[in-house]
Each structure stands twice: as C-alpha cells, then as structure tokens.
Amino acid sequence: MFQLIMSIEWNSSESKKHKYVQYQQEQSTNGKRKKKIIGQPVESFSNDPSVDNRIKLACSIGSKLPPNHQRLLLELPRDDDKILVADSIIDSYNQKNIALNTKCAYVTTLVHLSRYLGHK
C-alpha cells in the first residue's frame, strides 16, 4: 500500500512540473508513430531581433505567459501590431503590476479585437 501511494505522489509532482507540455502521437505516412510536443513556448515572434526581444520581454515579465497565449501573438500580421501589444503589456506591468491572468486577458482581448476588425 505504501509503494502505491509513493508512486501516485511522484506522478502528480511530475505532472505539475511539466504543466504546459502535452504529447500527441501522430500516425506518419510510413506507419511509424512520432511524438509532437504541444505547448512549447514560441521560439521566435519576428525576423527582426529588436521586435522579437521586446515581445519576449513582454511574455516573460512578471510571470511567464503560457504558450497558447504566446501563439495568439503570432496571429497578428504586422510587427507594429505585435509591438503595440507588447508595449501595452510592459507598461501595464510597470504601472499596475498586473497578474498573469490579467496579462493573458489583455493579450486575448487585443488579438480577438484585431481579428474582429480584420487586422486592419
């Protein structure tokens, strides 16, 4: 009984450590299965290094933005739009010390508003 409890505790602590990483198995064309990692942070937001660094700063300031919200920023077509969202997050954090959930709500709201307006 004691060993069973230890294994359950170990599995629950391991799952908490890798909160956003999920594995999905896909069937490839040659019949072998390959693992695709879902939930990894975005590596690059833009080809311009200064834009990329500013967006990464906005994603990592305070608490780290979850990968699904980071991918929402990739939906914005122009780098100027990404910079505006990143600057608003940085300014809000510096002035109001916003929490992670507030930062996620700001990103979601701004990207959905841009989507509704046709990214104009």
PDB file of N, CA and C in Angstrom:
ATOM      1  N   MET A   1       0.829  -1.195   0.000  1.00  0.00           N
ATOM      2  CA  MET A   1       0.000   0.000   0.000  1.00  0.00           C
ATOM      3  C   MET A   1       0.872   1.257   0.000  1.00  0.00           C
ATOM      4  N   PHE A   2       1.966   1.226   0.757  1.00  0.00           N
ATOM      5  CA  PHE A   2       2.845   2.379   0.853  1.00  0.00           C
ATOM      6  C   PHE A   2       3.512   2.679  -0.494  1.00  0.00           C
ATOM      7  N   GLN A   3       3.900   1.666  -1.232  1.00  0.00           N
ATOM      8  CA  GLN A   3       4.549   1.876  -2.517  1.00  0.00           C
ATOM      9  C   GLN A   3       3.577   2.471  -3.531  1.00  0.00           C
ATOM     10  N   LEU A   4       2.350   2.089  -3.470  1.00  0.00           N
ATOM     11  CA  LEU A   4       1.340   2.620  -4.378  1.00  0.00           C
ATOM     12  C   LEU A   4       1.131   4.110  -4.144  1.00  0.00           C
ATOM     13  N   ILE A   5       1.078   4.515  -2.898  1.00  0.00           N
ATOM     14  CA  ILE A   5       0.899   5.934  -2.582  1.00  0.00           C
ATOM     15  C   ILE A   5       2.101   6.739  -3.047  1.00  0.00           C
ATOM     16  N   MET A   6       3.298   6.219  -2.860  1.00  0.00           N
ATOM     17  CA  MET A   6       4.501   6.928  -3.297  1.00  0.00           C
ATOM     18  C   MET A   6       4.514   7.108  -4.809  1.00  0.00           C
ATOM     19  N   SER A   7       4.074   6.115  -5.544  1.00  0.00           N
ATOM     20  CA  SER A   7       4.086   6.239  -6.993  1.00  0.00           C
ATOM     21  C   SER A   7       3.049   7.252  -7.464  1.00  0.00           C
ATOM     22  N   ILE A   8       1.922   7.340  -6.795  1.00  0.00           N
ATOM     23  CA  ILE A   8       0.903   8.324  -7.165  1.00  0.00           C
ATOM     24  C   ILE A   8       1.410   9.728  -6.869  1.00  0.00           C
ATOM     25  N   GLU A   9       2.057   9.910  -5.713  1.00  0.00           N
ATOM     26  CA  GLU A   9       2.599  11.229  -5.392  1.00  0.00           C
ATOM     27  C   GLU A   9       3.690  11.629  -6.378  1.00  0.00           C
ATOM     28  N   TRP A  10       4.532  10.698  -6.768  1.00  0.00           N
ATOM     29  CA  TRP A  10       5.599  11.010  -7.713  1.00  0.00           C
ATOM     30  C   TRP A  10       5.010  11.417  -9.051  1.00  0.00           C
ATOM     31  N   ASN A  11       3.986  10.703  -9.514  1.00  0.00           N
ATOM     32  CA  ASN A  11       3.379  11.046 -10.801  1.00  0.00           C
ATOM     33  C   ASN A  11       2.700  12.399 -10.747  1.00  0.00           C
ATOM     34  N   SER A  12       2.053  12.731  -9.647  1.00  0.00           N
ATOM     35  CA  SER A  12       1.390  14.026  -9.575  1.00  0.00           C
ATOM     36  C   SER A  12       2.416  15.158  -9.511  1.00  0.00           C
ATOM     37  N   SER A  13       3.543  14.947  -8.839  1.00  0.00           N
ATOM     38  CA  SER A  13       4.555  16.005  -8.799  1.00  0.00           C
ATOM     39  C   SER A  13       5.234  16.171 -10.150  1.00  0.00           C
ATOM     40  N   GLU A  14       5.411  15.091 -10.890  1.00  0.00           N
ATOM     41  CA  GLU A  14       5.991  15.199 -12.228  1.00  0.00           C
ATOM     42  C   GLU A  14       5.041  15.926 -13.175  1.00  0.00           C
ATOM     43  N   SER A  15       3.745  15.694 -13.041  1.00  0.00           N
ATOM     44  CA  SER A  15       2.807  16.356 -13.939  1.00  0.00           C
ATOM     45  C   SER A  15       2.725  17.846 -13.635  1.00  0.00           C
ATOM     46  N   LYS A  16       2.932  18.246 -12.374  1.00  0.00           N
ATOM     47  CA  LYS A  16       2.916  19.664 -12.050  1.00  0.00           C
ATOM     48  C   LYS A  16       4.145  20.371 -12.611  1.00  0.00           C
ATOM     49  N   LYS A  17       5.268  19.659 -12.693  1.00  0.00           N
ATOM     50  CA  LYS A  17       6.490  20.263 -13.193  1.00  0.00           C
ATOM     51  C   LYS A  17       6.378  20.592 -14.677  1.00  0.00           C
ATOM     52  N   HIS A  18       5.725  19.755 -15.440  1.00  0.00           N
ATOM     53  CA  HIS A  18       5.560  19.957 -16.883  1.00  0.00           C
ATOM     54  C   HIS A  18       4.110  20.305 -17.161  1.00  0.00           C
ATOM     55  N   LYS A  19       3.711  21.486 -16.715  1.00  0.00           N
ATOM     56  CA  LYS A  19       2.319  21.887 -16.742  1.00  0.00           C
ATOM     57  C   LYS A  19       1.781  22.063 -18.161  1.00  0.00           C
ATOM     58  N   TYR A  20       2.547  22.697 -19.030  1.00  0.00           N
ATOM     59  CA  TYR A  20       2.039  23.046 -20.347  1.00  0.00           C
ATOM     60  C   TYR A  20       2.472  22.084 -21.448  1.00  0.00           C
ATOM     61  N   VAL A  21       3.240  21.071 -21.106  1.00  0.00           N
ATOM     62  CA  VAL A  21       3.734  20.151 -22.125  1.00  0.00           C
ATOM     63  C   VAL A  21       2.790  18.967 -22.228  1.00  0.00           C
ATOM     64  N   GLN A  22       2.257  18.762 -23.390  1.00  0.00           N
ATOM     65  CA  GLN A  22       1.402  17.623 -23.659  1.00  0.00           C
ATOM     66  C   GLN A  22       1.972  16.922 -24.874  1.00  0.00           C
ATOM     67  N   TYR A  23       1.821  15.640 -24.901  1.00  0.00           N
ATOM     68  CA  TYR A  23       2.333  14.881 -26.023  1.00  0.00           C
ATOM     69  C   TYR A  23       1.176  14.365 -26.853  1.00  0.00           C
ATOM     70  N   GLN A  24       1.319  14.465 -28.135  1.00  0.00           N
ATOM     71  CA  GLN A  24       0.313  13.972 -29.056  1.00  0.00           C
ATOM     72  C   GLN A  24       1.028  13.064 -30.039  1.00  0.00           C
ATOM     73  N   GLN A  25       0.503  11.878 -30.219  1.00  0.00           N
ATOM     74  CA  GLN A  25       1.124  10.961 -31.152  1.00  0.00           C
ATOM     75  C   GLN A  25       0.380  11.036 -32.476  1.00  0.00           C
ATOM     76  N   GLU A  26       1.142  11.134 -33.531  1.00  0.00           N
ATOM     77  CA  GLU A  26       0.572  11.196 -34.866  1.00  0.00           C
ATOM     78  C   GLU A  26       1.020   9.985 -35.658  1.00  0.00           C
ATOM     79  N   GLN A  27       0.164   9.544 -36.551  1.00  0.00           N
ATOM     80  CA  GLN A  27       0.499   8.441 -37.436  1.00  0.00           C
ATOM     81  C   GLN A  27       1.181   9.037 -38.667  1.00  0.00           C
ATOM     82  N   SER A  28       2.407   8.659 -38.915  1.00  0.00           N
ATOM     83  CA  SER A  28       3.114   9.172 -40.084  1.00  0.00           C
ATOM     84  C   SER A  28       2.779   8.317 -41.301  1.00  0.00           C
ATOM     85  N   THR A  29       3.287   8.708 -42.443  1.00  0.00           N
ATOM     86  CA  THR A  29       2.945   8.028 -43.693  1.00  0.00           C
ATOM     87  C   THR A  29       3.554   6.631 -43.781  1.00  0.00           C
ATOM     88  N   ASN A  30       4.688   6.419 -43.122  1.00  0.00           N
ATOM     89  CA  ASN A  30       5.326   5.114 -43.229  1.00  0.00           C
ATOM     90  C   ASN A  30       4.895   4.157 -42.113  1.00  0.00           C
ATOM     91  N   GLY A  31       3.896   4.512 -41.320  1.00  0.00           N
ATOM     92  CA  GLY A  31       3.364   3.618 -40.307  1.00  0.00           C
ATOM     93  C   GLY A  31       3.993   3.765 -38.939  1.00  0.00           C
ATOM     94  N   LYS A  32       5.093   4.486 -38.814  1.00  0.00           N
ATOM     95  CA  LYS A  32       5.726   4.689 -37.514  1.00  0.00           C
ATOM     96  C   LYS A  32       5.073   5.878 -36.821  1.00  0.00           C
ATOM     97  N   ARG A  33       5.044   5.809 -35.517  1.00  0.00           N
ATOM     98  CA  ARG A  33       4.483   6.914 -34.747  1.00  0.00           C
ATOM     99  C   ARG A  33       5.584   7.867 -34.333  1.00  0.00           C
ATOM    100  N   LYS A  34       5.281   9.145 -34.393  1.00  0.00           N
ATOM    101  CA  LYS A  34       6.234  10.137 -33.930  1.00  0.00           C
ATOM    102  C   LYS A  34       5.540  11.017 -32.898  1.00  0.00           C
ATOM    103  N   LYS A  35       6.310  11.542 -31.969  1.00  0.00           N
ATOM    104  CA  LYS A  35       5.757  12.397 -30.936  1.00  0.00           C
ATOM    105  C   LYS A  35       5.877  13.850 -31.366  1.00  0.00           C
ATOM    106  N   LYS A  36       4.797  14.580 -31.171  1.00  0.00           N
ATOM    107  CA  LYS A  36       4.784  16.001 -31.451  1.00  0.00           C
ATOM    108  C   LYS A  36       4.515  16.702 -30.128  1.00  0.00           C
ATOM    109  N   ILE A  37       5.365  17.621 -29.759  1.00  0.00           N
ATOM    110  CA  ILE A  37       5.216  18.296 -28.481  1.00  0.00           C
ATOM    111  C   ILE A  37       4.321  19.505 -28.675  1.00  0.00           C
ATOM    112  N   ILE A  38       3.240  19.526 -27.898  1.00  0.00           N
ATOM    113  CA  ILE A  38       2.299  20.635 -27.918  1.00  0.00           C
ATOM    114  C   ILE A  38       2.503  21.427 -26.641  1.00  0.00           C
ATOM    115  N   GLY A  39       2.484  22.733 -26.739  1.00  0.00           N
ATOM    116  CA  GLY A  39       2.593  23.558 -25.555  1.00  0.00           C
ATOM    117  C   GLY A  39       3.985  24.092 -25.290  1.00  0.00           C
ATOM    118  N   GLN A  40       4.884  23.971 -26.234  1.00  0.00           N
ATOM    119  CA  GLN A  40       6.216  24.534 -26.060  1.00  0.00           C
ATOM    120  C   GLN A  40       6.157  26.040 -26.332  1.00  0.00           C
ATOM    121  N   PRO A  41       6.962  26.824 -25.631  1.00  0.00           N
ATOM    122  CA  PRO A  41       6.971  28.272 -25.875  1.00  0.00           C
ATOM    123  C   PRO A  41       7.406  28.597 -27.304  1.00  0.00           C
ATOM    124  N   VAL A  42       6.949  29.721 -27.788  1.00  0.00           N
ATOM    125  CA  VAL A  42       7.288  30.165 -29.137  1.00  0.00           C
ATOM    126  C   VAL A  42       8.754  30.579 -29.150  1.00  0.00           C
ATOM    127  N   GLU A  43       9.491  30.117 -30.159  1.00  0.00           N
ATOM    128  CA  GLU A  43      10.917  30.433 -30.229  1.00  0.00           C
ATOM    129  C   GLU A  43      11.181  31.807 -30.819  1.00  0.00           C
ATOM    130  N   SER A  44      10.417  32.197 -31.846  1.00  0.00           N
ATOM    131  CA  SER A  44      10.651  33.478 -32.495  1.00  0.00           C
ATOM    132  C   SER A  44       9.318  34.080 -32.914  1.00  0.00           C
ATOM    133  N   PHE A  45       9.145  35.367 -32.619  1.00  0.00           N
ATOM    134  CA  PHE A  45       7.924  36.071 -32.976  1.00  0.00           C
ATOM    135  C   PHE A  45       8.081  36.876 -34.261  1.00  0.00           C
ATOM    136  N   SER A  46       9.312  37.229 -34.597  1.00  0.00           N
ATOM    137  CA  SER A  46       9.554  38.084 -35.748  1.00  0.00           C
ATOM    138  C   SER A  46      10.971  37.843 -36.264  1.00  0.00           C
ATOM    139  N   ASN A  47      11.199  38.239 -37.512  1.00  0.00           N
ATOM    140  CA  ASN A  47      12.543  38.143 -38.087  1.00  0.00           C
ATOM    141  C   ASN A  47      13.450  39.262 -37.588  1.00  0.00           C
ATOM    142  N   ASP A  48      12.848  40.351 -37.142  1.00  0.00           N
ATOM    143  CA  ASP A  48      13.605  41.483 -36.610  1.00  0.00           C
ATOM    144  C   ASP A  48      13.975  41.195 -35.149  1.00  0.00           C
ATOM    145  N   PRO A  49      15.276  41.180 -34.815  1.00  0.00           N
ATOM    146  CA  PRO A  49      15.682  40.819 -33.442  1.00  0.00           C
ATOM    147  C   PRO A  49      15.182  41.786 -32.374  1.00  0.00           C
ATOM    148  N   SER A  50      15.101  43.075 -32.678  1.00  0.00           N
ATOM    149  CA  SER A  50      14.643  44.028 -31.661  1.00  0.00           C
ATOM    150  C   SER A  50      13.165  43.819 -31.347  1.00  0.00           C
ATOM    151  N   VAL A  51      12.365  43.549 -32.378  1.00  0.00           N
ATOM    152  CA  VAL A  51      10.944  43.265 -32.179  1.00  0.00           C
ATOM    153  C   VAL A  51      10.781  41.966 -31.400  1.00  0.00           C
ATOM    154  N   ASP A  52      11.557  40.976 -31.763  1.00  0.00           N
ATOM    155  CA  ASP A  52      11.486  39.670 -31.107  1.00  0.00           C
ATOM    156  C   ASP A  52      11.855  39.784 -29.629  1.00  0.00           C
ATOM    157  N   ASN A  53      12.895  40.542 -29.316  1.00  0.00           N
ATOM    158  CA  ASN A  53      13.306  40.705 -27.920  1.00  0.00           C
ATOM    159  C   ASN A  53      12.262  41.449 -27.099  1.00  0.00           C
ATOM    160  N   ARG A  54      11.625  42.452 -27.688  1.00  0.00           N
ATOM    161  CA  ARG A  54      10.610  43.211 -26.960  1.00  0.00           C
ATOM    162  C   ARG A  54       9.391  42.349 -26.661  1.00  0.00           C
ATOM    163  N   ILE A  55       8.988  41.531 -27.619  1.00  0.00           N
ATOM    164  CA  ILE A  55       7.834  40.656 -27.405  1.00  0.00           C
ATOM    165  C   ILE A  55       8.176  39.576 -26.382  1.00  0.00           C
ATOM    166  N   LYS A  56       9.396  39.047 -26.445  1.00  0.00           N
ATOM    167  CA  LYS A  56       9.808  38.047 -25.451  1.00  0.00           C
ATOM    168  C   LYS A  56       9.867  38.655 -24.056  1.00  0.00           C
ATOM    169  N   LEU A  57      10.268  39.918 -23.955  1.00  0.00           N
ATOM    170  CA  LEU A  57      10.263  40.598 -22.664  1.00  0.00           C
ATOM    171  C   LEU A  57       8.842  40.721 -22.130  1.00  0.00           C
ATOM    172  N   ALA A  58       7.907  41.081 -23.008  1.00  0.00           N
ATOM    173  CA  ALA A  58       6.506  41.205 -22.586  1.00  0.00           C
ATOM    174  C   ALA A  58       5.943  39.857 -22.151  1.00  0.00           C
ATOM    175  N   CYS A  59       6.368  38.788 -22.799  1.00  0.00           N
ATOM    176  CA  CYS A  59       5.871  37.460 -22.441  1.00  0.00           C
ATOM    177  C   CYS A  59       6.476  36.954 -21.140  1.00  0.00           C
ATOM    178  N   SER A  60       7.678  37.397 -20.805  1.00  0.00           N
ATOM    179  CA  SER A  60       8.350  36.850 -19.629  1.00  0.00           C
ATOM    180  C   SER A  60       8.333  37.786 -18.424  1.00  0.00           C
ATOM    181  N   ILE A  61       7.889  39.026 -18.584  1.00  0.00           N
ATOM    182  CA  ILE A  61       7.885  39.963 -17.465  1.00  0.00           C
ATOM    183  C   ILE A  61       6.861  39.489 -16.429  1.00  0.00           C
ATOM    184  N   GLY A  62       7.235  39.561 -15.171  1.00  0.00           N
ATOM    185  CA  GLY A  62       6.358  39.039 -14.120  1.00  0.00           C
ATOM    186  C   GLY A  62       6.320  37.531 -14.207  1.00  0.00           C
ATOM    187  N   SER A  63       5.161  36.988 -14.452  1.00  0.00           N
ATOM    188  CA  SER A  63       5.010  35.547 -14.657  1.00  0.00           C
ATOM    189  C   SER A  63       5.034  35.263 -16.143  1.00  0.00           C
ATOM    190  N   LYS A  64       5.533  34.110 -16.513  1.00  0.00           N
ATOM    191  CA  LYS A  64       5.690  33.769 -17.924  1.00  0.00           C
ATOM    192  C   LYS A  64       4.328  33.485 -18.562  1.00  0.00           C
ATOM    193  N   LEU A  65       4.113  34.080 -19.717  1.00  0.00           N
ATOM    194  CA  LEU A  65       2.864  33.902 -20.458  1.00  0.00           C
ATOM    195  C   LEU A  65       2.787  32.476 -20.990  1.00  0.00           C
ATOM    196  N   PRO A  66       1.656  31.797 -20.818  1.00  0.00           N
ATOM    197  CA  PRO A  66       1.538  30.418 -21.312  1.00  0.00           C
ATOM    198  C   PRO A  66       1.703  30.341 -22.830  1.00  0.00           C
ATOM    199  N   PRO A  67       2.161  29.204 -23.345  1.00  0.00           N
ATOM    200  CA  PRO A  67       2.422  29.071 -24.781  1.00  0.00           C
ATOM    201  C   PRO A  67       1.202  29.314 -25.670  1.00  0.00           C
ATOM    202  N   ASN A  68       0.005  28.947 -25.220  1.00  0.00           N
ATOM    203  CA  ASN A  68      -1.161  29.175 -26.064  1.00  0.00           C
ATOM    204  C   ASN A  68      -1.449  30.661 -26.234  1.00  0.00           C
ATOM    205  N   HIS A  69      -1.153  31.472 -25.231  1.00  0.00           N
ATOM    206  CA  HIS A  69      -1.326  32.916 -25.370  1.00  0.00           C
ATOM    207  C   HIS A  69      -0.178  33.525 -26.175  1.00  0.00           C
ATOM    208  N   GLN A  70       1.001  32.923 -26.099  1.00  0.00           N
ATOM    209  CA  GLN A  70       2.111  33.391 -26.930  1.00  0.00           C
ATOM    210  C   GLN A  70       1.790  33.179 -28.410  1.00  0.00           C
ATOM    211  N   ARG A  71       1.145  32.063 -28.721  1.00  0.00           N
ATOM    212  CA  ARG A  71       0.799  31.781 -30.116  1.00  0.00           C
ATOM    213  C   ARG A  71      -0.259  32.734 -30.658  1.00  0.00           C
ATOM    214  N   LEU A  72      -1.073  33.305 -29.774  1.00  0.00           N
ATOM    215  CA  LEU A  72      -2.039  34.300 -30.220  1.00  0.00           C
ATOM    216  C   LEU A  72      -1.335  35.509 -30.824  1.00  0.00           C
ATOM    217  N   LEU A  73      -0.177  35.853 -30.286  1.00  0.00           N
ATOM    218  CA  LEU A  73       0.573  36.988 -30.834  1.00  0.00           C
ATOM    219  C   LEU A  73       1.078  36.720 -32.246  1.00  0.00           C
ATOM    220  N   LEU A  74       1.282  35.452 -32.576  1.00  0.00           N
ATOM    221  CA  LEU A  74       1.723  35.114 -33.935  1.00  0.00           C
ATOM    222  C   LEU A  74       0.635  35.368 -34.969  1.00  0.00           C
ATOM    223  N   GLU A  75      -0.606  35.461 -34.512  1.00  0.00           N
ATOM    224  CA  GLU A  75      -1.716  35.702 -35.428  1.00  0.00           C
ATOM    225  C   GLU A  75      -1.693  37.117 -35.997  1.00  0.00           C
ATOM    226  N   LEU A  76      -1.083  38.039 -35.270  1.00  0.00           N
ATOM    227  CA  LEU A  76      -1.023  39.423 -35.744  1.00  0.00           C
ATOM    228  C   LEU A  76      -0.093  39.505 -36.953  1.00  0.00           C
ATOM    229  N   PRO A  77      -0.565  40.095 -38.065  1.00  0.00           N
ATOM    230  CA  PRO A  77       0.207  40.041 -39.308  1.00  0.00           C
ATOM    231  C   PRO A  77       1.424  40.974 -39.347  1.00  0.00           C
ATOM    232  N   ARG A  78       1.331  42.138 -38.704  1.00  0.00           N
ATOM    233  CA  ARG A  78       2.417  43.116 -38.799  1.00  0.00           C
ATOM    234  C   ARG A  78       3.202  43.180 -37.492  1.00  0.00           C
ATOM    235  N   ASP A  79       4.476  43.481 -37.621  1.00  0.00           N
ATOM    236  CA  ASP A  79       5.325  43.619 -36.434  1.00  0.00           C
ATOM    237  C   ASP A  79       4.902  44.812 -35.585  1.00  0.00           C
ATOM    238  N   ASP A  80       4.384  45.864 -36.224  1.00  0.00           N
ATOM    239  CA  ASP A  80       3.927  47.037 -35.477  1.00  0.00           C
ATOM    240  C   ASP A  80       2.807  46.675 -34.506  1.00  0.00           C
ATOM    241  N   ASP A  81       1.905  45.808 -34.940  1.00  0.00           N
ATOM    242  CA  ASP A  81       0.815  45.379 -34.068  1.00  0.00           C
ATOM    243  C   ASP A  81       1.337  44.572 -32.885  1.00  0.00           C
ATOM    244  N   LYS A  82       2.311  43.724 -33.144  1.00  0.00           N
ATOM    245  CA  LYS A  82       2.906  42.922 -32.068  1.00  0.00           C
ATOM    246  C   LYS A  82       3.621  43.819 -31.061  1.00  0.00           C
ATOM    247  N   ILE A  83       4.302  44.859 -31.567  1.00  0.00           N
ATOM    248  CA  ILE A  83       5.000  45.787 -30.685  1.00  0.00           C
ATOM    249  C   ILE A  83       4.006  46.558 -29.823  1.00  0.00           C
ATOM    250  N   LEU A  84       2.880  46.963 -30.406  1.00  0.00           N
ATOM    251  CA  LEU A  84       1.871  47.693 -29.631  1.00  0.00           C
ATOM    252  C   LEU A  84       1.318  46.845 -28.490  1.00  0.00           C
ATOM    253  N   VAL A  85       1.024  45.593 -28.776  1.00  0.00           N
ATOM    254  CA  VAL A  85       0.520  44.697 -27.730  1.00  0.00           C
ATOM    255  C   VAL A  85       1.592  44.478 -26.665  1.00  0.00           C
ATOM    256  N   ALA A  86       2.829  44.254 -27.092  1.00  0.00           N
ATOM    257  CA  ALA A  86       3.923  44.031 -26.146  1.00  0.00           C
ATOM    258  C   ALA A  86       4.159  45.269 -25.273  1.00  0.00           C
ATOM    259  N   ASP A  87       4.131  46.459 -25.883  1.00  0.00           N
ATOM    260  CA  ASP A  87       4.339  47.684 -25.115  1.00  0.00           C
ATOM    261  C   ASP A  87       3.209  47.921 -24.117  1.00  0.00           C
ATOM    262  N   SER A  88       1.988  47.599 -24.508  1.00  0.00           N
ATOM    263  CA  SER A  88       0.873  47.783 -23.574  1.00  0.00           C
ATOM    264  C   SER A  88       0.989  46.834 -22.390  1.00  0.00           C
ATOM    265  N   ILE A  89       1.474  45.621 -22.616  1.00  0.00           N
ATOM    266  CA  ILE A  89       1.667  44.674 -21.516  1.00  0.00           C
ATOM    267  C   ILE A  89       2.795  45.147 -20.598  1.00  0.00           C
ATOM    268  N   ILE A  90       3.894  45.600 -21.189  1.00  0.00           N
ATOM    269  CA  ILE A  90       5.031  46.074 -20.386  1.00  0.00           C
ATOM    270  C   ILE A  90       4.642  47.295 -19.571  1.00  0.00           C
ATOM    271  N   ASP A  91       3.935  48.255 -20.189  1.00  0.00           N
ATOM    272  CA  ASP A  91       3.505  49.456 -19.470  1.00  0.00           C
ATOM    273  C   ASP A  91       2.519  49.118 -18.358  1.00  0.00           C
ATOM    274  N   SER A  92       1.592  48.211 -18.633  1.00  0.00           N
ATOM    275  CA  SER A  92       0.629  47.822 -17.598  1.00  0.00           C
ATOM    276  C   SER A  92       1.321  47.144 -16.433  1.00  0.00           C
ATOM    277  N   TYR A  93       2.309  46.328 -16.728  1.00  0.00           N
ATOM    278  CA  TYR A  93       3.034  45.666 -15.649  1.00  0.00           C
ATOM    279  C   TYR A  93       3.832  46.673 -14.828  1.00  0.00           C
ATOM    280  N   ASN A  94       4.485  47.622 -15.498  1.00  0.00           N
ATOM    281  CA  ASN A  94       5.295  48.602 -14.780  1.00  0.00           C
ATOM    282  C   ASN A  94       4.442  49.570 -13.961  1.00  0.00           C
ATOM    283  N   GLN A  95       3.258  49.941 -14.457  1.00  0.00           N
ATOM    284  CA  GLN A  95       2.418  50.908 -13.751  1.00  0.00           C
ATOM    285  C   GLN A  95       1.499  50.262 -12.718  1.00  0.00           C
ATOM    286  N   LYS A  96       0.925  49.100 -13.060  1.00  0.00           N
ATOM    287  CA  LYS A  96      -0.090  48.497 -12.194  1.00  0.00           C
ATOM    288  C   LYS A  96       0.337  47.171 -11.588  1.00  0.00           C
ATOM    289  N   ASN A  97       1.479  46.617 -12.021  1.00  0.00           N
ATOM    290  CA  ASN A  97       1.955  45.316 -11.562  1.00  0.00           C
ATOM    291  C   ASN A  97       0.877  44.243 -11.763  1.00  0.00           C
ATOM    292  N   ILE A  98       0.443  44.091 -13.016  1.00  0.00           N
ATOM    293  CA  ILE A  98      -0.660  43.180 -13.326  1.00  0.00           C
ATOM    294  C   ILE A  98      -0.251  41.722 -13.107  1.00  0.00           C
ATOM    295  N   ALA A  99      -1.249  40.906 -12.812  1.00  0.00           N
ATOM    296  CA  ALA A  99      -1.032  39.479 -12.578  1.00  0.00           C
ATOM    297  C   ALA A  99      -1.003  38.739 -13.916  1.00  0.00           C
ATOM    298  N   LEU A 100      -0.656  37.465 -13.848  1.00  0.00           N
ATOM    299  CA  LEU A 100      -0.569  36.643 -15.059  1.00  0.00           C
ATOM    300  C   LEU A 100      -1.927  36.528 -15.748  1.00  0.00           C
ATOM    301  N   ASN A 101      -2.988  36.309 -14.988  1.00  0.00           N
ATOM    302  CA  ASN A 101      -4.321  36.177 -15.595  1.00  0.00           C
ATOM    303  C   ASN A 101      -4.752  37.464 -16.296  1.00  0.00           C
ATOM    304  N   THR A 102      -4.382  38.597 -15.741  1.00  0.00           N
ATOM    305  CA  THR A 102      -4.703  39.876 -16.379  1.00  0.00           C
ATOM    306  C   THR A 102      -3.919  40.030 -17.673  1.00  0.00           C
ATOM    307  N   LYS A 103      -2.661  39.628 -17.651  1.00  0.00           N
ATOM    308  CA  LYS A 103      -1.836  39.696 -18.859  1.00  0.00           C
ATOM    309  C   LYS A 103      -2.415  38.792 -19.948  1.00  0.00           C
ATOM    310  N   CYS A 104      -2.839  37.595 -19.572  1.00  0.00           N
ATOM    311  CA  CYS A 104      -3.466  36.676 -20.530  1.00  0.00           C
ATOM    312  C   CYS A 104      -4.751  37.270 -21.093  1.00  0.00           C
ATOM    313  N   ALA A 105      -5.533  37.917 -20.230  1.00  0.00           N
ATOM    314  CA  ALA A 105      -6.788  38.528 -20.684  1.00  0.00           C
ATOM    315  C   ALA A 105      -6.518  39.678 -21.652  1.00  0.00           C
ATOM    316  N   TYR A 106      -5.487  40.484 -21.375  1.00  0.00           N
ATOM    317  CA  TYR A 106      -5.146  41.585 -22.281  1.00  0.00           C
ATOM    318  C   TYR A 106      -4.740  41.061 -23.657  1.00  0.00           C
ATOM    319  N   VAL A 107      -3.881  40.060 -23.685  1.00  0.00           N
ATOM    320  CA  VAL A 107      -3.430  39.507 -24.969  1.00  0.00           C
ATOM    321  C   VAL A 107      -4.611  38.930 -25.738  1.00  0.00           C
ATOM    322  N   THR A 108      -5.429  38.141 -25.071  1.00  0.00           N
ATOM    323  CA  THR A 108      -6.582  37.522 -25.729  1.00  0.00           C
ATOM    324  C   THR A 108      -7.537  38.568 -26.270  1.00  0.00           C
ATOM    325  N   THR A 109      -7.841  39.573 -25.449  1.00  0.00           N
ATOM    326  CA  THR A 109      -8.785  40.612 -25.864  1.00  0.00           C
ATOM    327  C   THR A 109      -8.256  41.419 -27.044  1.00  0.00           C
ATOM    328  N   LEU A 110      -6.990  41.819 -26.993  1.00  0.00           N
ATOM    329  CA  LEU A 110      -6.433  42.634 -28.073  1.00  0.00           C
ATOM    330  C   LEU A 110      -6.324  41.855 -29.386  1.00  0.00           C
ATOM    331  N   VAL A 111      -5.945  40.582 -29.308  1.00  0.00           N
ATOM    332  CA  VAL A 111      -5.838  39.783 -30.534  1.00  0.00           C
ATOM    333  C   VAL A 111      -7.222  39.482 -31.102  1.00  0.00           C
ATOM    334  N   HIS A 112      -8.193  39.202 -30.242  1.00  0.00           N
ATOM    335  CA  HIS A 112      -9.550  38.943 -30.736  1.00  0.00           C
ATOM    336  C   HIS A 112     -10.175  40.207 -31.317  1.00  0.00           C
ATOM    337  N   LEU A 113      -9.910  41.358 -30.720  1.00  0.00           N
ATOM    338  CA  LEU A 113     -10.381  42.626 -31.277  1.00  0.00           C
ATOM    339  C   LEU A 113      -9.758  42.881 -32.645  1.00  0.00           C
ATOM    340  N   SER A 114      -8.477  42.610 -32.776  1.00  0.00           N
ATOM    341  CA  SER A 114      -7.810  42.764 -34.060  1.00  0.00           C
ATOM    342  C   SER A 114      -8.370  41.802 -35.090  1.00  0.00           C
ATOM    343  N   ARG A 115      -8.657  40.579 -34.665  1.00  0.00           N
ATOM    344  CA  ARG A 115      -9.256  39.580 -35.561  1.00  0.00           C
ATOM    345  C   ARG A 115     -10.640  40.045 -36.020  1.00  0.00           C
ATOM    346  N   TYR A 116     -11.424  40.585 -35.101  1.00  0.00           N
ATOM    347  CA  TYR A 116     -12.774  41.063 -35.429  1.00  0.00           C
ATOM    348  C   TYR A 116     -12.719  42.209 -36.439  1.00  0.00           C
ATOM    349  N   LEU A 117     -11.721  43.072 -36.301  1.00  0.00           N
ATOM    350  CA  LEU A 117     -11.589  44.207 -37.209  1.00  0.00           C
ATOM    351  C   LEU A 117     -10.828  43.861 -38.483  1.00  0.00           C
ATOM    352  N   GLY A 118     -10.488  42.617 -38.658  1.00  0.00           N
ATOM    353  CA  GLY A 118      -9.825  42.176 -39.889  1.00  0.00           C
ATOM    354  C   GLY A 118      -8.348  42.518 -39.942  1.00  0.00           C
ATOM    355  N   HIS A 119      -7.707  42.693 -38.805  1.00  0.00           N
ATOM    356  CA  HIS A 119      -6.265  43.015 -38.720  1.00  0.00           C
ATOM    357  C   HIS A 119      -5.942  44.258 -39.532  1.00  0.00           C
ATOM    358  N   LYS A 120      -6.789  45.265 -39.481  1.00  0.00           N
ATOM    359  CA  LYS A 120      -6.542  46.498 -40.232  1.00  0.00           C
ATOM    360  C   LYS A 120      -5.747  47.469 -39.412  1.00  0.00           C
TER     361      LYS A 120
END
